Every structure is written in C-alpha cells, then in structure tokens.
N, C-alpha and C. Protein backbone atom coordinates (compact mmCIF):
# COMPACT_ATOMS: atom_id res chain seq x y z
N UNK A 1 16.25 82.56 -2.46
CA UNK A 1 17.45 82.31 -2.03
C UNK A 1 18.73 82.42 -2.85
N UNK A 2 19.64 83.26 -2.58
CA UNK A 2 20.38 83.49 -3.64
C UNK A 2 21.65 83.13 -3.08
N UNK A 3 22.38 82.13 -3.85
CA UNK A 3 23.83 81.82 -3.85
C UNK A 3 24.71 82.25 -4.47
N UNK A 4 25.73 82.84 -3.98
CA UNK A 4 27.01 83.45 -4.84
C UNK A 4 28.16 83.13 -4.89
N UNK A 5 28.77 82.70 -5.88
CA UNK A 5 30.05 81.86 -5.99
C UNK A 5 30.98 83.07 -6.38
N UNK A 6 31.84 83.34 -5.39
CA UNK A 6 32.92 84.67 -5.60
C UNK A 6 34.30 84.41 -5.92
N UNK A 7 34.48 84.54 -7.04
CA UNK A 7 36.32 84.29 -7.60
C UNK A 7 36.10 84.77 -9.03
N UNK A 8 37.53 84.66 -9.48
CA UNK A 8 37.84 85.05 -10.92
C UNK A 8 37.38 83.75 -11.97
N UNK A 9 37.43 82.74 -11.37
CA UNK A 9 37.18 81.79 -12.13
C UNK A 9 38.06 80.46 -12.38
N UNK A 10 39.12 80.25 -11.70
CA UNK A 10 39.90 79.81 -11.24
C UNK A 10 39.34 78.13 -11.09
N UNK A 11 40.39 77.01 -11.14
CA UNK A 11 39.54 75.95 -10.44
C UNK A 11 39.26 75.74 -9.21
N UNK A 12 39.85 76.39 -8.29
CA UNK A 12 38.85 76.38 -7.21
C UNK A 12 37.48 77.02 -6.89
N UNK A 13 37.43 77.83 -7.77
CA UNK A 13 36.00 78.53 -7.76
C UNK A 13 35.11 77.57 -8.50
N UNK A 14 35.64 76.99 -9.66
CA UNK A 14 34.78 76.06 -10.49
C UNK A 14 34.62 75.05 -9.36
N UNK A 15 35.48 74.41 -8.45
CA UNK A 15 34.97 73.48 -7.56
C UNK A 15 34.20 73.81 -6.77
N UNK A 16 34.06 74.72 -5.76
CA UNK A 16 33.15 75.70 -5.15
C UNK A 16 32.04 75.39 -5.48
N UNK A 17 31.75 75.99 -6.87
CA UNK A 17 30.42 76.03 -7.75
C UNK A 17 29.60 74.53 -7.83
N UNK A 18 30.77 73.79 -8.15
CA UNK A 18 30.12 72.28 -8.29
C UNK A 18 29.60 71.85 -7.26
N UNK A 19 30.53 71.96 -5.83
CA UNK A 19 30.05 71.64 -4.96
C UNK A 19 28.84 72.35 -4.07
N UNK A 20 28.24 73.45 -4.51
CA UNK A 20 27.38 74.24 -4.01
C UNK A 20 26.18 73.72 -4.94
N UNK A 21 26.48 73.17 -6.34
CA UNK A 21 25.42 72.80 -7.07
C UNK A 21 25.02 71.43 -6.47
N UNK A 22 25.74 70.74 -6.25
CA UNK A 22 25.43 69.58 -5.55
C UNK A 22 24.97 69.65 -4.18
N UNK A 23 25.06 70.51 -3.42
CA UNK A 23 24.40 70.61 -1.83
C UNK A 23 22.95 71.20 -2.40
N UNK A 24 22.71 72.18 -3.19
CA UNK A 24 21.44 72.02 -3.78
C UNK A 24 20.75 71.32 -4.13
N UNK A 25 21.05 70.44 -4.82
CA UNK A 25 20.54 69.37 -5.59
C UNK A 25 20.16 68.46 -4.51
N UNK A 26 20.95 67.63 -3.51
CA UNK A 26 20.87 66.82 -2.44
C UNK A 26 19.65 67.51 -1.30
N UNK A 27 19.69 68.79 -1.11
CA UNK A 27 18.75 69.26 -0.35
C UNK A 27 17.40 69.46 -1.15
N UNK A 28 17.30 69.44 -2.61
CA UNK A 28 16.24 69.65 -3.24
C UNK A 28 15.84 71.49 -2.86
N UNK A 29 16.98 72.29 -3.17
CA UNK A 29 16.47 73.66 -2.56
C UNK A 29 16.74 74.46 -4.03
N UNK A 30 15.90 74.89 -4.54
CA UNK A 30 15.64 75.86 -5.63
C UNK A 30 16.53 77.22 -5.18
N UNK A 31 17.36 77.70 -5.66
CA UNK A 31 17.84 79.12 -5.51
C UNK A 31 18.48 79.77 -6.54
N UNK A 32 18.88 80.55 -7.01
CA UNK A 32 19.33 81.81 -7.83
C UNK A 32 20.97 81.47 -7.58
N UNK A 33 21.40 81.13 -8.53
CA UNK A 33 22.94 81.04 -8.22
C UNK A 33 23.95 82.04 -8.90
N UNK A 34 24.83 82.60 -8.59
CA UNK A 34 25.01 84.05 -9.37
C UNK A 34 26.91 83.60 -9.34
N UNK A 35 27.79 83.84 -10.27
CA UNK A 35 28.92 84.10 -10.51
C UNK A 35 29.49 85.41 -10.23
N UNK A 36 30.23 85.63 -9.24
CA UNK A 36 30.61 86.97 -9.33
C UNK A 36 32.16 87.21 -9.55
N UNK A 37 32.54 87.55 -10.70
CA UNK A 37 33.73 87.50 -11.43
C UNK A 37 34.71 88.67 -11.00
N UNK A 38 33.68 90.00 -10.71
CA UNK A 38 34.43 91.43 -10.76
C UNK A 38 34.72 91.29 -8.99
N UNK A 39 36.19 91.66 -9.53
CA UNK A 39 37.03 91.98 -8.27
C UNK A 39 36.69 93.20 -7.52
N UNK A 40 36.08 94.37 -7.97
CA UNK A 40 35.15 95.04 -6.85
C UNK A 40 34.32 94.76 -6.05
N UNK A 41 33.69 94.06 -6.77
CA UNK A 41 32.48 93.33 -6.17
C UNK A 41 32.34 92.30 -5.01
N UNK A 42 33.61 91.66 -5.36
CA UNK A 42 34.14 90.81 -4.35
C UNK A 42 34.36 91.51 -3.09
N UNK A 43 35.40 92.52 -3.49
CA UNK A 43 35.78 93.16 -2.36
C UNK A 43 34.79 93.94 -1.59
N UNK A 44 33.79 94.38 -2.22
CA UNK A 44 32.73 95.32 -1.53
C UNK A 44 31.94 94.15 -0.59
N UNK A 45 32.18 92.82 -0.57
CA UNK A 45 31.39 91.89 0.09
C UNK A 45 32.18 91.46 1.08
N UNK A 46 33.64 92.26 1.33
CA UNK A 46 34.68 92.03 2.25
C UNK A 46 35.18 90.67 2.12
N UNK A 47 35.34 90.31 0.92
CA UNK A 47 36.18 88.63 0.73
C UNK A 47 37.65 89.42 0.27
N UNK A 48 38.85 89.25 0.95
CA UNK A 48 39.86 89.21 0.67
C UNK A 48 40.50 87.56 -0.01
N UNK A 49 39.76 86.58 0.25
CA UNK A 49 40.57 85.66 -0.60
C UNK A 49 39.30 84.84 -1.10
N UNK A 50 39.79 84.36 -2.28
CA UNK A 50 38.80 83.62 -2.96
C UNK A 50 39.54 82.16 -2.99
N UNK A 51 38.62 81.14 -3.25
CA UNK A 51 36.84 81.26 -3.49
C UNK A 51 36.32 81.65 -2.33
N UNK A 52 35.20 82.28 -2.67
CA UNK A 52 34.43 82.22 -1.33
C UNK A 52 32.92 81.88 -2.05
N UNK A 53 31.97 81.80 -1.17
CA UNK A 53 30.76 81.59 -1.07
C UNK A 53 29.79 82.18 -0.16
N UNK A 54 28.89 83.25 -0.54
CA UNK A 54 27.84 83.94 -0.02
C UNK A 54 26.17 83.45 -0.20
N UNK A 55 25.73 83.15 0.90
CA UNK A 55 24.10 82.93 0.78
C UNK A 55 23.23 83.93 1.18
N UNK A 56 22.65 84.73 0.26
CA UNK A 56 21.60 85.67 0.53
C UNK A 56 22.48 86.93 1.06
N UNK A 57 23.94 87.21 0.08
CA UNK A 57 24.86 88.42 0.57
C UNK A 57 25.55 88.03 1.89
N UNK A 58 25.36 87.17 2.64
CA UNK A 58 26.13 86.92 4.14
C UNK A 58 27.40 85.90 3.45
N UNK A 59 28.68 86.32 3.45
CA UNK A 59 29.84 85.53 3.10
C UNK A 59 30.13 84.27 4.01
N UNK A 60 29.80 83.15 4.05
CA UNK A 60 29.67 82.00 4.67
C UNK A 60 31.03 81.03 4.96
N UNK A 61 31.81 81.16 3.46
CA UNK A 61 33.09 80.61 3.14
C UNK A 61 34.02 81.43 2.31
N UNK A 62 35.21 81.46 2.88
CA UNK A 62 36.38 82.55 1.83
C UNK A 62 37.89 81.53 2.37
N UNK A 63 38.17 81.85 1.01
CA UNK A 63 39.71 81.22 1.23
C UNK A 63 39.70 79.96 1.11
N UNK A 64 38.54 79.21 1.10
CA UNK A 64 38.87 77.62 0.73
C UNK A 64 37.84 77.15 0.26
N UNK A 65 37.67 75.54 -0.39
CA UNK A 65 36.87 75.06 -1.16
C UNK A 65 35.74 74.16 -0.04
N UNK A 66 34.70 74.84 -0.05
CA UNK A 66 33.70 74.45 1.17
C UNK A 66 33.13 72.81 0.47
N UNK A 67 33.45 71.89 1.45
CA UNK A 67 32.64 70.47 1.13
C UNK A 67 31.35 70.50 0.44
N UNK A 68 30.79 69.68 -0.09
CA UNK A 68 29.51 69.40 -0.24
C UNK A 68 28.64 69.77 1.23
N UNK A 69 29.30 69.11 2.45
CA UNK A 69 28.42 68.80 3.56
C UNK A 69 28.39 69.60 4.29
N UNK A 70 29.72 70.83 3.98
CA UNK A 70 29.80 71.92 4.76
C UNK A 70 28.54 72.93 4.40
N UNK A 71 28.46 73.05 2.93
CA UNK A 71 27.55 73.98 2.34
C UNK A 71 26.21 73.38 2.58
N UNK A 72 25.66 72.11 2.95
CA UNK A 72 24.32 71.46 3.13
C UNK A 72 24.20 72.34 4.55
N UNK A 73 25.10 71.98 5.48
CA UNK A 73 24.97 72.43 6.74
C UNK A 73 24.53 74.51 7.20
N UNK A 74 25.21 75.27 5.97
CA UNK A 74 25.06 76.46 6.40
C UNK A 74 23.54 76.67 5.21
N UNK A 75 23.25 75.76 4.62
CA UNK A 75 21.86 75.80 3.78
C UNK A 75 20.43 75.71 4.29
N UNK A 76 20.74 74.69 5.46
CA UNK A 76 19.63 74.03 6.21
C UNK A 76 19.09 75.10 7.15
C-alpha cells in the first residue's frame, strides 16, 4: 500500500501527514508513505486544493484535513 500526502508542506499538510501516520499505526498497517510537494505532480493527480491524501494513486481527500477516523475508514 502506498499513501501519498499531497501539499507544499504547510501546517495543514503536516497535520494531514500526522493523522495518516496515526491511522496506519492504529490499524497496524505497513505502508509506504510519500510526501508529494511538487505542484505539477499534485496537479497531475487531479488535485486543485491541498492538503490532499491519496491511497495507491487514488485521491481520497482534498482541500481539508481528514481526521484519523476518516483515514482509518478508507484504509479498511
């Protein structure tokens, strides 16, 4: 599984990353976590507003900070 945090490194992006890491830990899931900060790469994934979170290349959240519980739901 590959989890991508899409954003330029702003506080909201960092909170999204923290929540994603917590969700992975809570569910005991081993995943590759990648921070995507390149704007062109983010746009190529169809994201207009950050922060965003993608799982295996599919954007699950965009333009908001997903909660740990929301991330856990899409990981299950």
